[in-house]
């Protein structure tokens, strides 16, 4: 093999020493093809790449607030990884205190200002195990201020907001419908 590689370099440089052992053009061409295929094959199999956990899945929130939402005033949406017990125990004031709390709550996936009448598209990382809670922090607490989304989470949530009423529709991609959890 070593002789073949040396012959390839000599052949490609165009310098052939008298009495040197050489290989036919066909042998050299075969080696070149073999080397190219080896490099391509290594790239396709991920040779040399670190194999860790796949990147976390994301969910898309399509927020459609009516101009009448929160009486036309800005409000906040907090997305948080939680469990059912915490979800039921936390009060409006407790959740509101976490929005800009110091230190930050590590379970908060995002806090987003919502402007009435302006549609938003937001991508949020999905937790692997816990359900996700959507907390709508209106100027005044309403009966419809929080929603719990159980696992498995959908890929997209369409969130319609009118006054202080929230309707959430989830949609899972065709590919994830067949995945096992």
Protein backbone atom coordinates (compact mmCIF):
# COMPACT_ATOMS: atom_id res chain seq x y z
CA UNK A 1 0.00 0.00 0.00
CA UNK A 2 2.88 2.33 0.88
CA UNK A 3 4.44 1.72 -2.55
CA UNK A 4 1.13 2.51 -4.21
CA UNK A 5 0.81 5.85 -2.38
CA UNK A 6 4.42 6.79 -3.24
CA UNK A 7 3.77 5.88 -6.87
CA UNK A 8 0.62 7.99 -6.83
CA UNK A 9 2.53 11.04 -5.59
CA UNK A 10 5.30 10.47 -8.17
CA UNK A 11 2.71 9.96 -10.91
CA UNK A 12 0.85 13.12 -9.98
CA UNK A 13 4.04 15.19 -9.81
CA UNK A 14 5.11 13.94 -13.24
CA UNK A 15 8.58 12.94 -12.07
CA UNK A 16 9.46 9.28 -12.58
CA UNK A 17 12.96 8.16 -11.62
CA UNK A 18 14.69 5.66 -13.90
CA UNK A 19 14.32 2.14 -12.55
CA UNK A 20 11.64 3.16 -10.07
CA UNK A 21 8.82 0.74 -9.50
CA UNK A 22 5.65 2.20 -11.01
CA UNK A 23 2.06 1.12 -11.21
CA UNK A 24 -0.24 1.28 -14.17
CA UNK A 25 -2.59 4.18 -14.72
CA UNK A 26 -5.48 1.88 -13.89
CA UNK A 27 -4.00 1.05 -10.44
CA UNK A 28 -3.37 4.70 -9.67
CA UNK A 29 -6.88 5.66 -10.82
CA UNK A 30 -8.39 2.91 -8.66
CA UNK A 31 -6.46 4.18 -5.63
CA UNK A 32 -7.62 7.74 -6.24
CA UNK A 33 -11.24 6.57 -6.47
CA UNK A 34 -10.82 4.47 -3.31
CA UNK A 35 -9.37 7.42 -1.36
CA UNK A 36 -12.15 9.75 -2.49
CA UNK A 37 -14.84 7.23 -1.55
CA UNK A 38 -13.19 6.67 1.84
CA UNK A 39 -13.23 10.38 2.59
CA UNK A 40 -16.86 10.74 1.49
CA UNK A 41 -17.87 7.62 3.44
CA UNK A 42 -16.19 8.90 6.61
CA UNK A 43 -18.05 12.18 6.23
CA UNK A 44 -21.41 10.50 5.72
CA UNK A 45 -21.04 8.27 8.76
CA UNK A 46 -20.13 11.19 11.00
CA UNK A 47 -16.58 10.00 11.61
CA UNK A 48 -14.90 12.29 14.06
CA UNK A 49 -18.08 14.00 15.25
CA UNK A 50 -18.99 14.01 18.90
CA UNK A 51 -22.04 11.92 19.51
CA UNK A 52 -24.08 13.35 22.34
CA UNK A 53 -27.71 13.99 23.00
CA UNK A 54 -29.66 15.30 20.03
CA UNK A 55 -30.51 18.99 20.20
CA UNK A 56 -33.64 19.69 22.24
CA UNK A 57 -36.92 19.84 20.39
CA UNK A 58 -38.64 23.17 19.99
CA UNK A 59 -42.26 24.14 19.92
CA UNK A 60 -43.63 27.09 18.02
CA UNK A 61 -46.16 29.42 19.63
CA UNK A 62 -48.34 31.34 17.19
CA UNK A 63 -49.85 34.06 19.32
CA UNK A 64 -52.86 35.91 17.91
CA UNK A 65 -53.98 38.58 20.38
CA UNK A 66 -57.05 40.58 19.46
CA UNK A 67 -56.77 44.36 19.80
CA UNK A 68 -59.15 44.03 22.78
CA UNK A 69 -56.81 41.67 24.66
CA UNK A 70 -56.04 43.02 28.15
CA UNK A 71 -58.05 46.15 27.30
CA UNK A 72 -55.49 47.02 24.61
CA UNK A 73 -52.55 47.13 27.06
CA UNK A 74 -49.33 45.13 26.91
CA UNK A 75 -49.19 41.93 28.98
CA UNK A 76 -46.79 39.02 29.41
CA UNK A 77 -46.75 35.34 28.56
CA UNK A 78 -44.51 33.19 30.74
CA UNK A 79 -43.73 29.66 29.53
CA UNK A 80 -42.51 27.38 32.30
CA UNK A 81 -41.62 23.74 32.75
CA UNK A 82 -43.62 22.49 35.72
CA UNK A 83 -45.44 19.56 37.20
CA UNK A 84 -49.14 19.29 37.99
CA UNK A 85 -48.66 19.84 41.72
CA UNK A 86 -46.74 23.11 41.27
CA UNK A 87 -49.18 24.20 38.59
CA UNK A 88 -52.12 23.82 40.96
CA UNK A 89 -50.35 25.33 43.99
CA UNK A 90 -48.92 28.49 42.40
CA UNK A 91 -51.03 31.59 42.68
CA UNK A 92 -51.17 34.47 40.22
CA UNK A 93 -49.03 36.69 42.48
CA UNK A 94 -46.46 33.89 43.00
CA UNK A 95 -46.11 33.36 39.24
CA UNK A 96 -45.98 37.12 38.56
CA UNK A 97 -43.14 37.48 41.08
CA UNK A 98 -41.09 34.91 39.11
CA UNK A 99 -41.27 36.81 35.83
CA UNK A 100 -38.42 39.18 36.61
CA UNK A 101 -37.25 37.50 39.82
CA UNK A 102 -33.66 37.46 40.98
CA UNK A 103 -32.24 34.85 40.87
CA UNK A 104 -34.01 33.69 37.74
CA UNK A 105 -36.15 30.56 37.96
CA UNK A 106 -34.35 27.83 35.93
CA UNK A 107 -37.70 26.26 34.96
CA UNK A 108 -38.79 29.36 33.05
CA UNK A 109 -38.46 28.66 29.32
CA UNK A 110 -39.25 32.24 28.34
CA UNK A 111 -41.09 35.44 29.19
CA UNK A 112 -42.57 37.30 26.24
CA UNK A 113 -44.30 40.69 26.04
CA UNK A 114 -47.56 40.48 24.10
CA UNK A 115 -48.87 43.52 22.27
CA UNK A 116 -52.64 43.43 21.61
CA UNK A 117 -53.46 43.35 17.90
CA UNK A 118 -49.96 42.17 16.91
CA UNK A 119 -49.45 38.51 15.99
CA UNK A 120 -46.23 36.86 17.17
CA UNK A 121 -44.36 33.65 16.34
CA UNK A 122 -42.12 32.42 19.14
CA UNK A 123 -39.93 29.30 19.30
CA UNK A 124 -39.45 27.74 22.74
CA UNK A 125 -37.30 24.77 23.76
CA UNK A 126 -39.41 21.82 24.92
CA UNK A 127 -38.55 20.14 28.21
CA UNK A 128 -37.93 16.40 27.86
CA UNK A 129 -40.19 15.22 30.66
CA UNK A 130 -42.31 17.82 32.42
CA UNK A 131 -45.50 19.39 31.17
CA UNK A 132 -45.39 23.05 30.15
CA UNK A 133 -47.53 25.79 31.64
CA UNK A 134 -48.53 28.93 29.76
CA UNK A 135 -49.17 31.80 32.19
CA UNK A 136 -50.90 34.90 30.82
CA UNK A 137 -50.12 37.83 33.09
CA UNK A 138 -52.86 40.32 32.30
CA UNK A 139 -53.17 43.66 34.10
CA UNK A 140 -55.86 42.03 36.23
CA UNK A 141 -56.09 38.34 37.02
CA UNK A 142 -58.70 36.46 35.02
CA UNK A 143 -60.11 32.95 35.33
CA UNK A 144 -58.26 32.01 32.13
CA UNK A 145 -54.74 33.10 33.13
CA UNK A 146 -52.99 29.71 33.04
CA UNK A 147 -52.99 26.58 30.88
CA UNK A 148 -51.12 23.28 31.37
CA UNK A 149 -49.90 21.36 28.31
CA UNK A 150 -49.17 17.69 29.12
CA UNK A 151 -46.43 15.55 27.61
CA UNK A 152 -46.04 14.64 24.81
CA UNK A 153 -46.02 18.27 23.76
CA UNK A 154 -47.24 19.39 20.37
CA UNK A 155 -44.93 21.01 17.82
CA UNK A 156 -47.10 24.10 17.35
CA UNK A 157 -49.60 25.88 19.54
CA UNK A 158 -52.01 28.45 18.13
CA UNK A 159 -52.98 30.82 20.93
CA UNK A 160 -55.96 33.12 20.36
CA UNK A 161 -56.55 35.85 22.94
CA UNK A 162 -59.63 38.08 23.17
CA UNK A 163 -60.19 40.37 26.13
CA UNK A 164 -58.88 38.11 28.90
CA UNK A 165 -59.98 34.85 27.33
CA UNK A 166 -57.43 32.38 25.92
CA UNK A 167 -58.00 29.51 23.47
CA UNK A 168 -55.08 27.16 22.75
CA UNK A 169 -55.00 24.64 19.90
CA UNK A 170 -52.08 22.23 19.62
CA UNK A 171 -50.83 20.59 16.45
CA UNK A 172 -48.25 17.83 16.15
CA UNK A 173 -46.28 17.25 12.96
CA UNK A 174 -47.12 14.16 10.92
CA UNK A 175 -43.67 12.70 11.68
CA UNK A 176 -43.95 13.01 15.45
CA UNK A 177 -47.37 11.37 15.54
CA UNK A 178 -45.72 8.03 14.95
CA UNK A 179 -42.85 8.44 17.43
CA UNK A 180 -42.87 6.45 20.65
CA UNK A 181 -42.41 8.32 23.90
